[in-house]
Amino acid sequence: MPDYETDPRLKVDREVNPPPQELYMGLGWDENRQTKRRHYRHFYNDELEYVKELIPYPSPFSTYPLKKG
């Protein structure tokens, strides 16, 4: 969940210390600091079945290579 500070010049809430955009994707929005709708989802560059920190063992399902055409 994001943290907010009030901008003294514009008198609006601004998000501080957002997570890096390379690892997290921001979802939702907050109208003010009490709404609590904005959150972040961890982003992976590979298919999830190949990410070892999520699934440390090989898939128990049978897989077959497919050819187009």
Protein backbone atom coordinates (compact mmCIF):
# COMPACT_ATOMS: atom_id res chain seq x y z
CA MET A 1 0.00 0.00 0.00
CA PRO A 2 1.36 3.46 -0.83
CA ASP A 3 2.37 6.12 1.68
CA TYR A 4 1.26 9.72 1.25
CA GLU A 5 2.50 13.13 2.32
CA THR A 6 0.74 16.45 1.90
CA ASP A 7 2.31 18.81 -0.63
CA PRO A 8 2.37 22.18 1.19
CA ARG A 9 2.40 24.26 -1.99
CA LEU A 10 -0.57 22.60 -3.74
CA LYS A 11 -2.25 21.22 -0.57
CA VAL A 12 -2.77 17.75 -2.10
CA ASP A 13 -1.65 14.28 -1.04
CA ARG A 14 1.35 12.94 -2.98
CA GLU A 15 2.64 9.38 -2.96
CA VAL A 16 6.12 9.01 -1.47
CA ASN A 17 8.60 6.14 -1.89
CA PRO A 18 6.79 4.19 -4.64
CA PRO A 19 8.25 0.76 -5.45
CA PRO A 20 10.41 0.42 -8.59
CA GLN A 21 8.41 0.29 -11.83
CA GLU A 22 10.64 -2.51 -13.16
CA LEU A 23 9.34 -4.90 -10.46
CA TYR A 24 5.85 -3.68 -9.59
CA MET A 25 2.80 -2.55 -11.54
CA GLY A 26 0.53 0.03 -9.93
CA LEU A 27 -3.20 -0.75 -9.90
CA GLY A 28 -6.16 1.35 -8.80
CA TRP A 29 -6.14 4.93 -7.55
CA ASP A 30 -6.74 6.84 -4.34
CA GLU A 31 -8.87 9.96 -4.20
CA ASN A 32 -7.26 10.79 -0.85
CA ARG A 33 -5.05 9.02 1.69
CA GLN A 34 -7.99 7.27 3.41
CA THR A 35 -9.42 5.54 0.29
CA LYS A 36 -6.86 2.64 0.28
CA ARG A 37 -7.68 1.41 -3.26
CA ARG A 38 -4.26 1.84 -4.83
CA HIS A 39 -2.01 -1.20 -4.56
CA TYR A 40 0.89 -2.81 -6.41
CA ARG A 41 1.26 -6.15 -8.14
CA HIS A 42 4.65 -7.86 -8.49
CA PHE A 43 5.60 -8.16 -12.16
CA TYR A 44 7.58 -11.07 -13.64
CA ASN A 45 9.21 -10.97 -17.10
CA ASP A 46 8.82 -14.73 -17.68
CA GLU A 47 5.98 -17.23 -17.59
CA LEU A 48 5.06 -17.94 -13.97
CA GLU A 49 5.67 -21.68 -14.29
CA TYR A 50 9.35 -20.90 -15.04
CA VAL A 51 9.87 -18.53 -12.09
CA LYS A 52 11.74 -20.60 -9.49
CA GLU A 53 10.77 -18.42 -6.51
CA LEU A 54 7.07 -19.13 -7.18
CA ILE A 55 7.22 -22.79 -8.24
CA PRO A 56 10.54 -24.37 -7.19
CA TYR A 57 9.80 -27.78 -8.74
CA PRO A 58 8.96 -28.84 -12.34
CA SER A 59 5.35 -28.99 -13.45
CA PRO A 60 3.51 -32.21 -12.52
CA PHE A 61 1.47 -32.00 -15.73
CA SER A 62 2.40 -33.51 -19.08
CA THR A 63 3.68 -30.96 -21.58
CA TYR A 64 4.03 -31.32 -25.32
CA PRO A 65 5.75 -29.02 -27.83
CA LEU A 66 3.27 -27.59 -30.34
CA LYS A 67 3.96 -26.66 -33.95
CA LYS A 68 1.99 -24.11 -35.85
CA GLY A 69 0.95 -24.95 -39.34
